Amino acid sequence: MKTDRISTSISTRVFAALLVGASAADATLVDWQNQVLSGTQPTTTLFTTVSGSAPVLFDVGALSGDSSFEFIVNAGDGGPSSAFLGNRNANGSQGLKFEQWMESGVLGVTNFGVVDILSDDAPPLFTDTHVVFVSDGIDTNLYVNGSNLFTFTGTPLQIFGEQGLAGVYNSDGSFNDLLDGNLLGFASYDSALRASEIATHSNAFFVPEPSAFVIAGLACAGIFTSRRRQC
């Protein structure tokens, strides 16, 4: 009957949407991690969540010359300044800022004791975001969700070794410029990632491949529809 066909179609669409929604949150991070590990090999990775309420000291590797720093972040703009990563007193004395000092509302790079450099771009707030800083040893390019938004001209990244993650590490063992949220994933590279590879990583995070569970679920929904139509 017509009512059966309508209810079956609606049920199938709802079922499919629930399956996709249930799997996407887990799939996106896993797919991004797989892409990180399958292309240009990272020097270091951290695939566990780091909160600005509990920043950590992390060794990003013996980087020099070209370098890249990749993040999955979800944060707000609380506080006068907040950082993805940094070391105030050593190992390059630079910081990569989610919000640049002082409540600027934009992403930035800091050469501690020298200058705070602002981009033109506000970070997306309280939403999962893919951010990459890429340095060729002369300039630093900022990518957000796969797009090259800004170039810090004449500002190379000189970051290496132990750095604060989700905050800036100080020589007395404390942290400041705490991230108002979480880093969900991190990778460092001793090379400048290509724009095409950054886009691939970003797409992997935001457009996950359907899981076997989803495909099986959709197949079951199709079987269910077929049986209803034969009634």
C-alpha atoms as a PDB file:
ATOM      1  CA  MET A   1       0.000   0.000   0.000  1.00  0.00           C
ATOM      2  CA  LYS A   2       1.001   3.640  -0.482  1.00  0.00           C
ATOM      3  CA  THR A   3       1.187   4.303   3.262  1.00  0.00           C
ATOM      4  CA  ASP A   4       3.488   1.304   3.664  1.00  0.00           C
ATOM      5  CA  ARG A   5       5.810   2.615   0.954  1.00  0.00           C
ATOM      6  CA  ILE A   6       5.935   6.076   2.541  1.00  0.00           C
ATOM      7  CA  SER A   7       6.599   4.777   6.052  1.00  0.00           C
ATOM      8  CA  THR A   8       9.225   2.356   4.725  1.00  0.00           C
ATOM      9  CA  SER A   9      11.033   5.146   2.850  1.00  0.00           C
ATOM     10  CA  ILE A  10      11.043   7.382   5.899  1.00  0.00           C
ATOM     11  CA  SER A  11      12.224   4.550   8.146  1.00  0.00           C
ATOM     12  CA  THR A  12      15.064   3.744   5.781  1.00  0.00           C
ATOM     13  CA  ARG A  13      16.267   7.352   5.631  1.00  0.00           C
ATOM     14  CA  VAL A  14      16.090   7.777   9.389  1.00  0.00           C
ATOM     15  CA  PHE A  15      17.897   4.489   9.970  1.00  0.00           C
ATOM     16  CA  ALA A  16      20.639   5.435   7.528  1.00  0.00           C
ATOM     17  CA  ALA A  17      21.062   8.877   9.087  1.00  0.00           C
ATOM     18  CA  LEU A  18      21.370   7.402  12.556  1.00  0.00           C
ATOM     19  CA  LEU A  19      23.977   4.907  11.400  1.00  0.00           C
ATOM     20  CA  VAL A  20      26.066   7.538   9.642  1.00  0.00           C
ATOM     21  CA  GLY A  21      25.810   9.951  12.552  1.00  0.00           C
ATOM     22  CA  ALA A  22      26.773   7.307  15.076  1.00  0.00           C
ATOM     23  CA  SER A  23      29.895   6.327  13.167  1.00  0.00           C
ATOM     24  CA  ALA A  24      31.123   9.707  11.885  1.00  0.00           C
ATOM     25  CA  ALA A  25      32.460  11.091  15.172  1.00  0.00           C
ATOM     26  CA  ASP A  26      34.745   8.084  15.659  1.00  0.00           C
ATOM     27  CA  ALA A  27      35.591   7.645  11.991  1.00  0.00           C
ATOM     28  CA  THR A  28      36.810  11.170  11.355  1.00  0.00           C
ATOM     29  CA  LEU A  29      39.699  11.084  13.826  1.00  0.00           C
ATOM     30  CA  VAL A  30      40.691   7.557  12.804  1.00  0.00           C
ATOM     31  CA  ASP A  31      40.625   8.453   9.108  1.00  0.00           C
ATOM     32  CA  TRP A  32      42.722  11.560   9.764  1.00  0.00           C
ATOM     33  CA  GLN A  33      45.221   9.528  11.787  1.00  0.00           C
ATOM     34  CA  ASN A  34      45.471   6.983   8.979  1.00  0.00           C
ATOM     35  CA  GLN A  35      46.192   9.743   6.454  1.00  0.00           C
ATOM     36  CA  VAL A  36      48.834  11.279   8.717  1.00  0.00           C
ATOM     37  CA  LEU A  37      50.623   7.931   8.882  1.00  0.00           C
ATOM     38  CA  SER A  38      50.247   7.022   5.205  1.00  0.00           C
ATOM     39  CA  GLY A  39      51.755  10.077   3.492  1.00  0.00           C
ATOM     40  CA  THR A  40      54.786  12.178   4.435  1.00  0.00           C
ATOM     41  CA  GLN A  41      56.005  10.468   7.573  1.00  0.00           C
ATOM     42  CA  PRO A  42      55.600  12.586  10.719  1.00  0.00           C
ATOM     43  CA  THR A  43      58.473  12.994  13.133  1.00  0.00           C
ATOM     44  CA  THR A  44      56.121  12.660  16.094  1.00  0.00           C
ATOM     45  CA  THR A  45      52.416  12.133  16.684  1.00  0.00           C
ATOM     46  CA  LEU A  46      50.103  12.347  19.653  1.00  0.00           C
ATOM     47  CA  PHE A  47      46.676  10.833  19.063  1.00  0.00           C
ATOM     48  CA  THR A  48      45.277  11.281  22.565  1.00  0.00           C
ATOM     49  CA  THR A  49      43.355  14.324  23.770  1.00  0.00           C
ATOM     50  CA  VAL A  50      45.293  17.065  25.576  1.00  0.00           C
ATOM     51  CA  SER A  51      43.271  19.670  27.468  1.00  0.00           C
ATOM     52  CA  GLY A  52      44.243  23.238  28.203  1.00  0.00           C
ATOM     53  CA  SER A  53      43.311  22.465  31.802  1.00  0.00           C
ATOM     54  CA  ALA A  54      46.117  19.876  31.840  1.00  0.00           C
ATOM     55  CA  PRO A  55      48.781  20.853  29.259  1.00  0.00           C
ATOM     56  CA  VAL A  56      51.745  18.547  28.702  1.00  0.00           C
ATOM     57  CA  LEU A  57      55.429  18.833  27.832  1.00  0.00           C
ATOM     58  CA  PHE A  58      56.019  16.926  24.591  1.00  0.00           C
ATOM     59  CA  ASP A  59      59.101  16.363  22.427  1.00  0.00           C
ATOM     60  CA  VAL A  60      58.216  17.355  18.841  1.00  0.00           C
ATOM     61  CA  GLY A  61      61.532  16.040  17.502  1.00  0.00           C
ATOM     62  CA  ALA A  62      64.886  17.320  16.272  1.00  0.00           C
ATOM     63  CA  LEU A  63      63.397  19.600  13.627  1.00  0.00           C
ATOM     64  CA  SER A  64      65.391  22.078  11.554  1.00  0.00           C
ATOM     65  CA  GLY A  65      64.821  24.053   8.371  1.00  0.00           C
ATOM     66  CA  ASP A  66      61.474  23.103   6.840  1.00  0.00           C
ATOM     67  CA  SER A  67      58.882  22.000   9.385  1.00  0.00           C
ATOM     68  CA  SER A  68      55.136  21.529   9.828  1.00  0.00           C
ATOM     69  CA  PHE A  69      52.828  21.306  12.836  1.00  0.00           C
ATOM     70  CA  GLU A  70      49.373  19.788  12.435  1.00  0.00           C
ATOM     71  CA  PHE A  71      46.499  19.926  14.904  1.00  0.00           C
ATOM     72  CA  ILE A  72      42.910  18.858  15.374  1.00  0.00           C
ATOM     73  CA  VAL A  73      41.540  21.368  17.875  1.00  0.00           C
ATOM     74  CA  ASN A  74      38.262  22.284  19.539  1.00  0.00           C
ATOM     75  CA  ALA A  75      38.549  25.402  21.684  1.00  0.00           C
ATOM     76  CA  GLY A  76      37.156  28.790  22.600  1.00  0.00           C
ATOM     77  CA  ASP A  77      38.827  32.167  23.018  1.00  0.00           C
ATOM     78  CA  GLY A  78      38.826  32.457  26.796  1.00  0.00           C
ATOM     79  CA  GLY A  79      41.752  34.315  28.361  1.00  0.00           C
ATOM     80  CA  PRO A  80      43.990  37.014  26.924  1.00  0.00           C
ATOM     81  CA  SER A  81      45.956  34.522  24.782  1.00  0.00           C
ATOM     82  CA  SER A  82      45.952  30.780  24.107  1.00  0.00           C
ATOM     83  CA  ALA A  83      48.395  28.445  22.411  1.00  0.00           C
ATOM     84  CA  PHE A  84      48.454  25.228  20.476  1.00  0.00           C
ATOM     85  CA  LEU A  85      52.117  24.770  21.306  1.00  0.00           C
ATOM     86  CA  GLY A  86      55.167  26.650  22.571  1.00  0.00           C
ATOM     87  CA  ASN A  87      58.241  26.995  24.756  1.00  0.00           C
ATOM     88  CA  ARG A  88      58.885  30.456  26.152  1.00  0.00           C
ATOM     89  CA  ASN A  89      62.527  30.090  27.102  1.00  0.00           C
ATOM     90  CA  ALA A  90      64.116  27.361  24.964  1.00  0.00           C
ATOM     91  CA  ASN A  91      64.000  25.207  21.825  1.00  0.00           C
ATOM     92  CA  GLY A  92      63.171  28.045  19.468  1.00  0.00           C
ATOM     93  CA  SER A  93      61.333  30.271  21.978  1.00  0.00           C
ATOM     94  CA  GLN A  94      58.253  30.415  19.779  1.00  0.00           C
ATOM     95  CA  GLY A  95      54.540  29.836  20.215  1.00  0.00           C
ATOM     96  CA  LEU A  96      51.783  28.864  17.801  1.00  0.00           C
ATOM     97  CA  LYS A  97      48.706  30.725  18.959  1.00  0.00           C
ATOM     98  CA  PHE A  98      45.056  29.730  18.722  1.00  0.00           C
ATOM     99  CA  GLU A  99      44.340  33.287  19.853  1.00  0.00           C
ATOM    100  CA  GLN A 100      47.151  35.818  19.722  1.00  0.00           C
ATOM    101  CA  TRP A 101      47.855  38.215  22.589  1.00  0.00           C
ATOM    102  CA  MET A 102      46.046  40.337  23.742  1.00  0.00           C
ATOM    103  CA  GLU A 103      42.486  39.097  23.135  1.00  0.00           C
ATOM    104  CA  SER A 104      43.111  39.774  19.456  1.00  0.00           C
ATOM    105  CA  GLY A 105      40.578  37.225  18.257  1.00  0.00           C
ATOM    106  CA  VAL A 106      42.929  35.889  15.554  1.00  0.00           C
ATOM    107  CA  LEU A 107      45.452  33.083  15.087  1.00  0.00           C
ATOM    108  CA  GLY A 108      49.126  33.977  15.336  1.00  0.00           C
ATOM    109  CA  VAL A 109      52.790  33.169  15.846  1.00  0.00           C
ATOM    110  CA  THR A 110      54.895  34.530  18.705  1.00  0.00           C
ATOM    111  CA  ASN A 111      58.662  34.994  18.898  1.00  0.00           C
ATOM    112  CA  PHE A 112      58.840  35.268  22.676  1.00  0.00           C
ATOM    113  CA  GLY A 113      60.573  38.379  23.906  1.00  0.00           C
ATOM    114  CA  VAL A 114      60.517  39.825  20.382  1.00  0.00           C
ATOM    115  CA  VAL A 115      57.128  40.100  18.702  1.00  0.00           C
ATOM    116  CA  ASP A 116      53.555  38.823  18.586  1.00  0.00           C
ATOM    117  CA  ILE A 117      52.514  38.365  14.957  1.00  0.00           C
ATOM    118  CA  LEU A 118      48.840  38.367  14.054  1.00  0.00           C
ATOM    119  CA  SER A 119      47.121  36.690  11.132  1.00  0.00           C
ATOM    120  CA  ASP A 120      43.977  38.124   9.548  1.00  0.00           C
ATOM    121  CA  ASP A 121      41.895  35.125  10.520  1.00  0.00           C
ATOM    122  CA  ALA A 122      39.790  34.216  13.531  1.00  0.00           C
ATOM    123  CA  PRO A 123      39.867  30.589  14.648  1.00  0.00           C
ATOM    124  CA  PRO A 124      36.590  28.658  14.441  1.00  0.00           C
ATOM    125  CA  LEU A 125      35.314  28.479  18.014  1.00  0.00           C
ATOM    126  CA  PHE A 126      34.024  25.419  19.855  1.00  0.00           C
ATOM    127  CA  THR A 127      34.102  23.242  16.755  1.00  0.00           C
ATOM    128  CA  ASP A 128      36.467  20.521  15.571  1.00  0.00           C
ATOM    129  CA  THR A 129      39.011  22.264  13.338  1.00  0.00           C
ATOM    130  CA  HIS A 130      42.035  21.149  11.316  1.00  0.00           C
ATOM    131  CA  VAL A 131      44.952  23.600  11.576  1.00  0.00           C
ATOM    132  CA  VAL A 132      48.445  23.326  10.067  1.00  0.00           C
ATOM    133  CA  PHE A 133      51.435  25.688  10.339  1.00  0.00           C
ATOM    134  CA  VAL A 134      53.966  25.065   7.536  1.00  0.00           C
ATOM    135  CA  SER A 135      57.409  26.702   7.427  1.00  0.00           C
ATOM    136  CA  ASP A 136      59.873  26.574   4.542  1.00  0.00           C
ATOM    137  CA  GLY A 137      62.613  28.123   6.665  1.00  0.00           C
ATOM    138  CA  ILE A 138      61.735  31.616   5.402  1.00  0.00           C
ATOM    139  CA  ASP A 139      57.968  32.099   5.725  1.00  0.00           C
ATOM    140  CA  THR A 140      55.188  30.277   7.580  1.00  0.00           C
ATOM    141  CA  ASN A 141      51.864  29.425   5.969  1.00  0.00           C
ATOM    142  CA  LEU A 142      48.681  28.924   7.985  1.00  0.00           C
ATOM    143  CA  TYR A 143      46.094  26.393   6.808  1.00  0.00           C
ATOM    144  CA  VAL A 144      42.642  26.058   8.373  1.00  0.00           C
ATOM    145  CA  ASN A 145      40.383  23.196   7.294  1.00  0.00           C
ATOM    146  CA  GLY A 146      42.542  22.604   4.237  1.00  0.00           C
ATOM    147  CA  SER A 147      42.681  26.210   2.998  1.00  0.00           C
ATOM    148  CA  ASN A 148      45.783  28.424   3.026  1.00  0.00           C
ATOM    149  CA  LEU A 149      44.460  31.487   4.832  1.00  0.00           C
ATOM    150  CA  PHE A 150      47.555  33.485   5.738  1.00  0.00           C
ATOM    151  CA  THR A 151      51.321  33.767   5.282  1.00  0.00           C
ATOM    152  CA  PHE A 152      53.551  34.991   8.109  1.00  0.00           C
ATOM    153  CA  THR A 153      56.064  36.571   5.745  1.00  0.00           C
ATOM    154  CA  GLY A 154      59.659  36.541   6.973  1.00  0.00           C
ATOM    155  CA  THR A 155      58.750  34.429  10.012  1.00  0.00           C
ATOM    156  CA  PRO A 156      60.270  30.930   9.870  1.00  0.00           C
ATOM    157  CA  LEU A 157      59.443  28.387  12.549  1.00  0.00           C
ATOM    158  CA  GLN A 158      62.433  27.359  14.645  1.00  0.00           C
ATOM    159  CA  ILE A 159      60.565  25.044  17.015  1.00  0.00           C
ATOM    160  CA  PHE A 160      62.176  21.757  18.087  1.00  0.00           C
ATOM    161  CA  GLY A 161      62.499  19.466  21.093  1.00  0.00           C
ATOM    162  CA  GLU A 162      60.347  19.796  24.184  1.00  0.00           C
ATOM    163  CA  GLN A 163      57.333  22.068  23.798  1.00  0.00           C
ATOM    164  CA  GLY A 164      54.176  22.716  25.719  1.00  0.00           C
ATOM    165  CA  LEU A 165      51.056  21.268  24.098  1.00  0.00           C
ATOM    166  CA  ALA A 166      47.742  23.066  24.813  1.00  0.00           C
ATOM    167  CA  GLY A 167      49.797  25.775  26.498  1.00  0.00           C
ATOM    168  CA  VAL A 168      53.220  27.453  26.518  1.00  0.00           C
ATOM    169  CA  TYR A 169      55.918  25.839  28.659  1.00  0.00           C
ATOM    170  CA  ASN A 170      58.008  28.051  30.965  1.00  0.00           C
ATOM    171  CA  SER A 171      61.495  27.328  32.315  1.00  0.00           C
ATOM    172  CA  ASP A 172      60.152  27.021  35.870  1.00  0.00           C
ATOM    173  CA  GLY A 173      57.959  24.081  34.815  1.00  0.00           C
ATOM    174  CA  SER A 174      54.710  26.038  34.666  1.00  0.00           C
ATOM    175  CA  PHE A 175      52.453  26.699  31.678  1.00  0.00           C
ATOM    176  CA  ASN A 176      50.603  29.776  30.508  1.00  0.00           C
ATOM    177  CA  ASP A 177      48.631  30.838  27.421  1.00  0.00           C
ATOM    178  CA  LEU A 178      46.471  27.810  28.166  1.00  0.00           C
ATOM    179  CA  LEU A 179      44.194  26.552  25.423  1.00  0.00           C
ATOM    180  CA  ASP A 180      40.515  27.113  26.201  1.00  0.00           C
ATOM    181  CA  GLY A 181      39.589  23.634  25.036  1.00  0.00           C
ATOM    182  CA  ASN A 182      41.238  20.491  23.687  1.00  0.00           C
ATOM    183  CA  LEU A 183      43.805  19.269  21.192  1.00  0.00           C
ATOM    184  CA  LEU A 184      42.330  16.067  19.762  1.00  0.00           C
ATOM    185  CA  GLY A 185      45.383  15.150  17.692  1.00  0.00           C
ATOM    186  CA  PHE A 186      48.869  16.415  16.819  1.00  0.00           C
ATOM    187  CA  ALA A 187      51.665  15.655  14.364  1.00  0.00           C
ATOM    188  CA  SER A 188      55.026  17.313  13.688  1.00  0.00           C
ATOM    189  CA  TYR A 189      57.072  16.971  10.509  1.00  0.00           C
ATOM    190  CA  ASP A 190      60.678  17.720   9.584  1.00  0.00           C
ATOM    191  CA  SER A 191      59.445  18.954   6.210  1.00  0.00           C
ATOM    192  CA  ALA A 192      57.028  21.441   4.673  1.00  0.00           C
ATOM    193  CA  LEU A 193      53.790  19.627   3.911  1.00  0.00           C
ATOM    194  CA  ARG A 194      52.423  20.262   0.423  1.00  0.00           C
ATOM    195  CA  ALA A 195      49.076  22.014   0.067  1.00  0.00           C
ATOM    196  CA  SER A 196      47.618  18.947  -1.655  1.00  0.00           C
ATOM    197  CA  GLU A 197      48.586  16.685   1.232  1.00  0.00           C
ATOM    198  CA  ILE A 198      47.147  19.107   3.785  1.00  0.00           C
ATOM    199  CA  ALA A 199      43.872  19.107   1.831  1.00  0.00           C
ATOM    200  CA  THR A 200      43.890  15.294   1.855  1.00  0.00           C
ATOM    201  CA  HIS A 201      44.367  15.226   5.625  1.00  0.00           C
ATOM    202  CA  SER A 202      41.601  17.770   6.132  1.00  0.00           C
ATOM    203  CA  ASN A 203      39.200  15.902   3.859  1.00  0.00           C
ATOM    204  CA  ALA A 204      39.921  12.668   5.709  1.00  0.00           C
ATOM    205  CA  PHE A 205      38.839  14.314   8.930  1.00  0.00           C
ATOM    206  CA  PHE A 206      35.694  15.984   7.637  1.00  0.00           C
ATOM    207  CA  VAL A 207      34.571  13.433   5.006  1.00  0.00           C
ATOM    208  CA  PRO A 208      35.192   9.983   6.507  1.00  0.00           C
ATOM    209  CA  GLU A 209      34.921   6.811   4.476  1.00  0.00           C
ATOM    210  CA  PRO A 210      31.752   4.859   5.364  1.00  0.00           C
ATOM    211  CA  SER A 211      32.499   2.086   7.820  1.00  0.00           C
ATOM    212  CA  ALA A 212      31.602  -1.547   7.299  1.00  0.00           C
ATOM    213  CA  PHE A 213      28.983  -1.125  10.016  1.00  0.00           C
ATOM    214  CA  VAL A 214      27.298   1.669   8.085  1.00  0.00           C
ATOM    215  CA  ILE A 215      27.374  -0.249   4.799  1.00  0.00           C
ATOM    216  CA  ALA A 216      25.934  -3.345   6.465  1.00  0.00           C
ATOM    217  CA  GLY A 217      23.253  -1.248   8.124  1.00  0.00           C
ATOM    218  CA  LEU A 218      22.229   0.334   4.844  1.00  0.00           C
ATOM    219  CA  ALA A 219      22.079  -3.082   3.233  1.00  0.00           C
ATOM    220  CA  CYS A 220      19.785  -4.300   5.992  1.00  0.00           C
ATOM    221  CA  ALA A 221      17.581  -1.259   5.498  1.00  0.00           C
ATOM    222  CA  GLY A 222      17.357  -2.117   1.809  1.00  0.00           C
ATOM    223  CA  ILE A 223      16.345  -5.664   2.591  1.00  0.00           C
ATOM    224  CA  PHE A 224      13.730  -4.405   5.026  1.00  0.00           C
ATOM    225  CA  THR A 225      12.302  -2.072   2.361  1.00  0.00           C
ATOM    226  CA  SER A 226      12.169  -4.843  -0.204  1.00  0.00           C
ATOM    227  CA  ARG A 227      10.279  -7.140   2.117  1.00  0.00           C
ATOM    228  CA  ARG A 228       7.755  -4.467   3.044  1.00  0.00           C
ATOM    229  CA  ARG A 229       6.994  -3.795  -0.621  1.00  0.00           C
ATOM    230  CA  GLN A 230       6.225  -7.455  -1.212  1.00  0.00           C
ATOM    231  CA  CYS A 231       3.607  -7.527   1.531  1.00  0.00           C
END
